[in-house]
Amino acid sequence: MSLAAGDTPDVIDSRDLIALLEELEAMDDEPDALDDDELETRDEIRELAEQGITDWIYGATLIRDDYFERYAQEVASDIGAIDKEAGWPLAHIDWEAAADALKRYYMQVSYLGVDYWARA
């Protein structure tokens, strides 16, 4: 999975970012080995690592802001709160409000200029 500048996946596992950071830091010793995008990516991952995201080293999930509503629906289905096959009441749930309520357990972070949500 490429997680460099320009890529904005819906969901990122922090372990993928940690692995990418290790790759980039391994190249740090080589003169001119990293281009501007790689330097930006390295610096952004370092900043994320210092923000106190729960379970960062064990696999924190970062959810892109514009995907969070869909993520809330998936969480509700995964925990058995809804039956994803049911038409009612599923079609009448205010998912925007549900996602906003779920966000109180998350913190907003930025990665390469894109807003994500991660467990606080």
N, C-alpha and C. Protein backbone atom coordinates (compact mmCIF):
# COMPACT_ATOMS: atom_id res chain seq x y z
N MET A 1 0.85 -1.19 0.00
CA MET A 1 0.00 0.00 0.00
C MET A 1 0.88 1.24 0.00
N SER A 2 0.68 2.08 -0.95
CA SER A 2 1.41 3.34 -1.00
C SER A 2 0.64 4.39 -0.21
N LEU A 3 1.36 5.08 0.67
CA LEU A 3 0.72 6.09 1.49
C LEU A 3 1.46 7.40 1.38
N ALA A 4 2.03 7.65 0.25
CA ALA A 4 2.80 8.87 0.04
C ALA A 4 1.89 10.01 -0.36
N ALA A 5 2.49 11.17 -0.51
CA ALA A 5 1.74 12.37 -0.88
C ALA A 5 0.89 12.09 -2.11
N GLY A 6 -0.33 12.58 -2.09
CA GLY A 6 -1.24 12.40 -3.22
C GLY A 6 -2.22 11.26 -3.03
N ASP A 7 -1.89 10.32 -2.14
CA ASP A 7 -2.78 9.21 -1.85
C ASP A 7 -3.63 9.56 -0.63
N THR A 8 -4.92 9.32 -0.75
CA THR A 8 -5.81 9.59 0.39
C THR A 8 -6.78 8.43 0.56
N PRO A 9 -6.31 7.31 1.10
CA PRO A 9 -7.21 6.17 1.29
C PRO A 9 -8.29 6.49 2.32
N ASP A 10 -9.39 5.75 2.25
CA ASP A 10 -10.49 5.94 3.20
C ASP A 10 -10.06 5.61 4.62
N VAL A 11 -9.30 4.53 4.76
CA VAL A 11 -8.87 4.05 6.06
C VAL A 11 -7.38 3.71 5.99
N ILE A 12 -6.64 4.11 7.02
CA ILE A 12 -5.21 3.82 7.09
C ILE A 12 -4.94 3.12 8.42
N ASP A 13 -4.15 2.07 8.38
CA ASP A 13 -3.68 1.40 9.59
C ASP A 13 -2.34 2.04 9.96
N SER A 14 -2.21 2.46 11.20
CA SER A 14 -0.98 3.14 11.62
C SER A 14 0.26 2.28 11.41
N ARG A 15 0.12 0.96 11.44
CA ARG A 15 1.28 0.09 11.22
C ARG A 15 1.83 0.25 9.80
N ASP A 16 0.95 0.56 8.85
CA ASP A 16 1.42 0.83 7.48
C ASP A 16 2.23 2.12 7.44
N LEU A 17 1.78 3.11 8.20
CA LEU A 17 2.52 4.37 8.26
C LEU A 17 3.86 4.18 8.96
N ILE A 18 3.88 3.38 10.01
CA ILE A 18 5.12 3.11 10.73
C ILE A 18 6.11 2.41 9.81
N ALA A 19 5.65 1.44 9.03
CA ALA A 19 6.53 0.73 8.09
C ALA A 19 7.06 1.69 7.03
N LEU A 20 6.19 2.56 6.52
CA LEU A 20 6.62 3.53 5.52
C LEU A 20 7.65 4.48 6.11
N LEU A 21 7.43 4.92 7.34
CA LEU A 21 8.38 5.80 8.01
C LEU A 21 9.73 5.13 8.15
N GLU A 22 9.74 3.87 8.52
CA GLU A 22 11.01 3.13 8.65
C GLU A 22 11.75 3.07 7.32
N GLU A 23 11.02 2.85 6.24
CA GLU A 23 11.63 2.83 4.91
C GLU A 23 12.25 4.19 4.57
N LEU A 24 11.49 5.24 4.83
CA LEU A 24 11.97 6.59 4.51
C LEU A 24 13.15 6.98 5.38
N GLU A 25 13.10 6.62 6.66
CA GLU A 25 14.21 6.95 7.55
C GLU A 25 15.47 6.17 7.19
N ALA A 26 15.31 4.97 6.66
CA ALA A 26 16.46 4.18 6.23
C ALA A 26 17.18 4.84 5.07
N MET A 27 16.44 5.61 4.29
CA MET A 27 17.03 6.30 3.14
C MET A 27 17.59 7.67 3.51
N ASP A 28 17.30 8.14 4.73
CA ASP A 28 17.75 9.47 5.17
C ASP A 28 19.25 9.68 5.05
N ASP A 29 20.02 8.62 5.26
CA ASP A 29 21.48 8.74 5.26
C ASP A 29 22.07 8.92 3.87
N GLU A 30 21.30 8.60 2.86
CA GLU A 30 21.78 8.73 1.49
C GLU A 30 21.47 10.15 0.98
N PRO A 31 22.49 10.85 0.52
CA PRO A 31 22.25 12.21 0.03
C PRO A 31 21.27 12.23 -1.15
N ASP A 32 20.32 13.12 -1.09
CA ASP A 32 19.31 13.31 -2.15
C ASP A 32 18.49 12.05 -2.45
N ALA A 33 18.41 11.13 -1.50
CA ALA A 33 17.66 9.89 -1.73
C ALA A 33 16.16 10.13 -1.68
N LEU A 34 15.73 11.13 -0.91
CA LEU A 34 14.30 11.39 -0.76
C LEU A 34 13.91 12.63 -1.55
N ASP A 35 12.83 12.52 -2.31
CA ASP A 35 12.32 13.70 -3.01
C ASP A 35 11.44 14.52 -2.05
N ASP A 36 10.93 15.63 -2.52
CA ASP A 36 10.14 16.52 -1.66
C ASP A 36 8.90 15.83 -1.10
N ASP A 37 8.20 15.04 -1.92
CA ASP A 37 7.01 14.33 -1.45
C ASP A 37 7.37 13.33 -0.34
N GLU A 38 8.47 12.63 -0.51
CA GLU A 38 8.90 11.66 0.50
C GLU A 38 9.30 12.35 1.80
N LEU A 39 9.96 13.49 1.69
CA LEU A 39 10.33 14.26 2.88
C LEU A 39 9.08 14.73 3.62
N GLU A 40 8.09 15.22 2.86
CA GLU A 40 6.83 15.67 3.45
C GLU A 40 6.13 14.52 4.15
N THR A 41 6.08 13.36 3.49
CA THR A 41 5.44 12.19 4.06
C THR A 41 6.14 11.77 5.35
N ARG A 42 7.45 11.73 5.34
CA ARG A 42 8.22 11.37 6.53
C ARG A 42 7.89 12.30 7.69
N ASP A 43 7.90 13.59 7.42
CA ASP A 43 7.64 14.57 8.48
C ASP A 43 6.20 14.48 9.00
N GLU A 44 5.25 14.26 8.11
CA GLU A 44 3.85 14.13 8.53
C GLU A 44 3.64 12.90 9.41
N ILE A 45 4.26 11.79 9.06
CA ILE A 45 4.12 10.57 9.87
C ILE A 45 4.74 10.79 11.25
N ARG A 46 5.88 11.43 11.29
CA ARG A 46 6.51 11.74 12.58
C ARG A 46 5.57 12.58 13.45
N GLU A 47 4.92 13.56 12.85
CA GLU A 47 3.97 14.40 13.60
C GLU A 47 2.79 13.58 14.11
N LEU A 48 2.25 12.71 13.26
CA LEU A 48 1.13 11.86 13.69
C LEU A 48 1.52 10.99 14.88
N ALA A 49 2.72 10.44 14.83
CA ALA A 49 3.19 9.54 15.89
C ALA A 49 3.26 10.24 17.24
N GLU A 50 3.38 11.54 17.24
CA GLU A 50 3.52 12.31 18.48
C GLU A 50 2.19 12.86 19.00
N GLN A 51 1.08 12.58 18.33
CA GLN A 51 -0.20 13.19 18.69
C GLN A 51 -1.02 12.42 19.72
N GLY A 52 -0.51 11.33 20.22
CA GLY A 52 -1.23 10.60 21.26
C GLY A 52 -2.39 9.76 20.76
N ILE A 53 -2.31 9.26 19.56
CA ILE A 53 -3.36 8.41 19.00
C ILE A 53 -3.31 7.06 19.73
N THR A 54 -4.47 6.63 20.24
CA THR A 54 -4.56 5.35 20.95
C THR A 54 -4.11 4.21 20.05
N ASP A 55 -3.30 3.33 20.60
CA ASP A 55 -2.81 2.13 19.91
C ASP A 55 -2.00 2.41 18.64
N TRP A 56 -1.34 3.54 18.58
CA TRP A 56 -0.55 3.90 17.40
C TRP A 56 0.38 2.77 16.98
N ILE A 57 1.17 2.25 17.90
CA ILE A 57 2.16 1.23 17.52
C ILE A 57 1.54 -0.14 17.31
N TYR A 58 0.31 -0.36 17.80
CA TYR A 58 -0.33 -1.67 17.67
C TYR A 58 -1.32 -1.75 16.51
N GLY A 59 -1.60 -0.63 15.88
CA GLY A 59 -2.52 -0.65 14.75
C GLY A 59 -3.75 0.22 14.95
N ALA A 60 -3.54 1.50 15.06
CA ALA A 60 -4.65 2.44 15.13
C ALA A 60 -5.26 2.61 13.75
N THR A 61 -6.56 2.83 13.71
CA THR A 61 -7.26 3.06 12.45
C THR A 61 -7.50 4.55 12.28
N LEU A 62 -7.07 5.09 11.15
CA LEU A 62 -7.33 6.48 10.79
C LEU A 62 -8.39 6.47 9.70
N ILE A 63 -9.48 7.19 9.92
CA ILE A 63 -10.61 7.20 8.99
C ILE A 63 -10.72 8.58 8.36
N ARG A 64 -10.67 8.63 7.03
CA ARG A 64 -10.77 9.91 6.32
C ARG A 64 -12.10 10.58 6.66
N ASP A 65 -12.04 11.89 6.88
CA ASP A 65 -13.20 12.65 7.33
C ASP A 65 -14.43 12.43 6.45
N ASP A 66 -14.28 12.49 5.14
CA ASP A 66 -15.44 12.36 4.27
C ASP A 66 -15.92 10.91 4.12
N TYR A 67 -15.25 9.98 4.77
CA TYR A 67 -15.65 8.57 4.79
C TYR A 67 -16.23 8.17 6.14
N PHE A 68 -16.15 9.06 7.13
CA PHE A 68 -16.49 8.70 8.50
C PHE A 68 -17.95 8.28 8.65
N GLU A 69 -18.85 8.88 7.93
CA GLU A 69 -20.27 8.50 8.02
C GLU A 69 -20.45 7.05 7.58
N ARG A 70 -19.81 6.66 6.50
CA ARG A 70 -19.88 5.27 6.02
C ARG A 70 -19.23 4.34 7.05
N TYR A 71 -18.12 4.80 7.64
CA TYR A 71 -17.45 4.03 8.68
C TYR A 71 -18.39 3.79 9.86
N ALA A 72 -19.14 4.80 10.26
CA ALA A 72 -20.10 4.67 11.37
C ALA A 72 -21.14 3.59 11.04
N GLN A 73 -21.60 3.55 9.81
CA GLN A 73 -22.56 2.53 9.38
C GLN A 73 -21.94 1.13 9.50
N GLU A 74 -20.67 1.00 9.09
CA GLU A 74 -19.99 -0.28 9.17
C GLU A 74 -19.80 -0.72 10.61
N VAL A 75 -19.45 0.21 11.49
CA VAL A 75 -19.29 -0.11 12.92
C VAL A 75 -20.61 -0.58 13.49
N ALA A 76 -21.70 0.14 13.19
CA ALA A 76 -23.03 -0.24 13.69
C ALA A 76 -23.39 -1.65 13.23
N SER A 77 -23.09 -1.97 12.00
CA SER A 77 -23.37 -3.31 11.48
C SER A 77 -22.48 -4.35 12.16
N ASP A 78 -21.20 -4.04 12.30
CA ASP A 78 -20.25 -4.98 12.90
C ASP A 78 -20.60 -5.34 14.34
N ILE A 79 -21.13 -4.39 15.10
CA ILE A 79 -21.45 -4.67 16.50
C ILE A 79 -22.88 -5.21 16.67
N GLY A 80 -23.59 -5.38 15.56
CA GLY A 80 -24.93 -5.94 15.61
C GLY A 80 -26.01 -4.94 15.99
N ALA A 81 -25.69 -3.66 15.93
CA ALA A 81 -26.68 -2.63 16.27
C ALA A 81 -27.74 -2.48 15.19
N ILE A 82 -27.41 -2.87 13.98
CA ILE A 82 -28.36 -2.81 12.87
C ILE A 82 -28.23 -4.09 12.04
N ASP A 83 -29.26 -4.37 11.31
CA ASP A 83 -29.23 -5.46 10.34
C ASP A 83 -29.07 -4.81 8.98
N LYS A 84 -27.90 -4.96 8.37
CA LYS A 84 -27.65 -4.27 7.11
C LYS A 84 -28.53 -4.75 5.96
N GLU A 85 -29.26 -5.83 6.17
CA GLU A 85 -30.18 -6.33 5.15
C GLU A 85 -31.58 -5.73 5.32
N ALA A 86 -31.85 -5.12 6.46
CA ALA A 86 -33.18 -4.59 6.73
C ALA A 86 -33.39 -3.26 6.02
N GLY A 87 -34.56 -3.06 5.46
CA GLY A 87 -34.89 -1.78 4.83
C GLY A 87 -35.32 -0.76 5.87
N TRP A 88 -36.10 -1.27 6.83
CA TRP A 88 -36.56 -0.43 7.92
C TRP A 88 -35.94 -0.94 9.21
N PRO A 89 -35.48 -0.15 10.08
CA PRO A 89 -35.39 1.32 10.08
C PRO A 89 -34.13 1.84 9.43
N LEU A 90 -33.33 0.94 8.89
CA LEU A 90 -32.02 1.30 8.35
C LEU A 90 -32.09 2.48 7.38
N ALA A 91 -33.07 2.50 6.52
CA ALA A 91 -33.17 3.55 5.51
C ALA A 91 -33.56 4.90 6.11
N HIS A 92 -33.93 4.91 7.38
CA HIS A 92 -34.41 6.13 8.01
C HIS A 92 -33.50 6.65 9.11
N ILE A 93 -32.34 6.05 9.25
CA ILE A 93 -31.40 6.48 10.29
C ILE A 93 -30.65 7.71 9.80
N ASP A 94 -30.50 8.67 10.66
CA ASP A 94 -29.72 9.88 10.35
C ASP A 94 -28.26 9.54 10.58
N TRP A 95 -27.60 9.04 9.54
CA TRP A 95 -26.22 8.57 9.68
C TRP A 95 -25.25 9.71 9.92
N GLU A 96 -25.57 10.89 9.45
CA GLU A 96 -24.70 12.04 9.72
C GLU A 96 -24.67 12.31 11.22
N ALA A 97 -25.83 12.30 11.86
CA ALA A 97 -25.91 12.53 13.30
C ALA A 97 -25.25 11.38 14.07
N ALA A 98 -25.44 10.16 13.60
CA ALA A 98 -24.82 9.01 14.25
C ALA A 98 -23.30 9.10 14.16
N ALA A 99 -22.79 9.50 13.01
CA ALA A 99 -21.34 9.65 12.83
C ALA A 99 -20.82 10.77 13.73
N ASP A 100 -21.54 11.86 13.81
CA ASP A 100 -21.12 12.97 14.67
C ASP A 100 -21.06 12.53 16.14
N ALA A 101 -22.02 11.72 16.57
CA ALA A 101 -22.01 11.22 17.94
C ALA A 101 -20.82 10.29 18.18
N LEU A 102 -20.48 9.48 17.20
CA LEU A 102 -19.34 8.56 17.32
C LEU A 102 -18.02 9.32 17.39
N LYS A 103 -17.95 10.47 16.74
CA LYS A 103 -16.70 11.25 16.71
C LYS A 103 -16.23 11.71 18.08
N ARG A 104 -17.12 11.72 19.08
CA ARG A 104 -16.69 12.18 20.40
C ARG A 104 -15.63 11.26 21.00
N TYR A 105 -15.49 10.05 20.47
CA TYR A 105 -14.47 9.11 20.94
C TYR A 105 -13.19 9.18 20.10
N TYR A 106 -13.18 10.09 19.15
CA TYR A 106 -12.07 10.19 18.20
C TYR A 106 -11.46 11.59 18.26
N MET A 107 -10.26 11.69 17.75
CA MET A 107 -9.61 12.99 17.60
C MET A 107 -9.34 13.21 16.12
N GLN A 108 -9.40 14.45 15.70
CA GLN A 108 -9.14 14.76 14.30
C GLN A 108 -7.65 15.03 14.13
N VAL A 109 -7.08 14.41 13.12
CA VAL A 109 -5.67 14.60 12.79
C VAL A 109 -5.58 14.88 11.29
N SER A 110 -4.43 15.35 10.88
CA SER A 110 -4.22 15.64 9.46
C SER A 110 -3.04 14.82 8.97
N TYR A 111 -3.18 14.26 7.78
CA TYR A 111 -2.10 13.53 7.13
C TYR A 111 -2.03 13.99 5.69
N LEU A 112 -0.94 14.63 5.33
CA LEU A 112 -0.72 15.14 3.98
C LEU A 112 -1.87 16.03 3.51
N GLY A 113 -2.35 16.86 4.43
CA GLY A 113 -3.38 17.83 4.09
C GLY A 113 -4.80 17.29 4.06
N VAL A 114 -4.97 16.03 4.48
CA VAL A 114 -6.28 15.40 4.49
C VAL A 114 -6.66 15.13 5.94
N ASP A 115 -7.89 15.47 6.33
CA ASP A 115 -8.35 15.24 7.69
C ASP A 115 -8.78 13.81 7.88
N TYR A 116 -8.33 13.23 8.99
CA TYR A 116 -8.67 11.87 9.40
C TYR A 116 -9.15 11.89 10.84
N TRP A 117 -9.80 10.83 11.27
CA TRP A 117 -10.25 10.64 12.64
C TRP A 117 -9.58 9.38 13.18
N ALA A 118 -9.09 9.46 14.41
CA ALA A 118 -8.44 8.32 15.07
C ALA A 118 -8.88 8.30 16.53
N ARG A 119 -8.92 7.10 17.11
CA ARG A 119 -9.31 6.98 18.52
C ARG A 119 -8.39 7.83 19.38
N ALA A 120 -8.99 8.61 20.25
CA ALA A 120 -8.21 9.49 21.13
C ALA A 120 -7.70 8.72 22.33
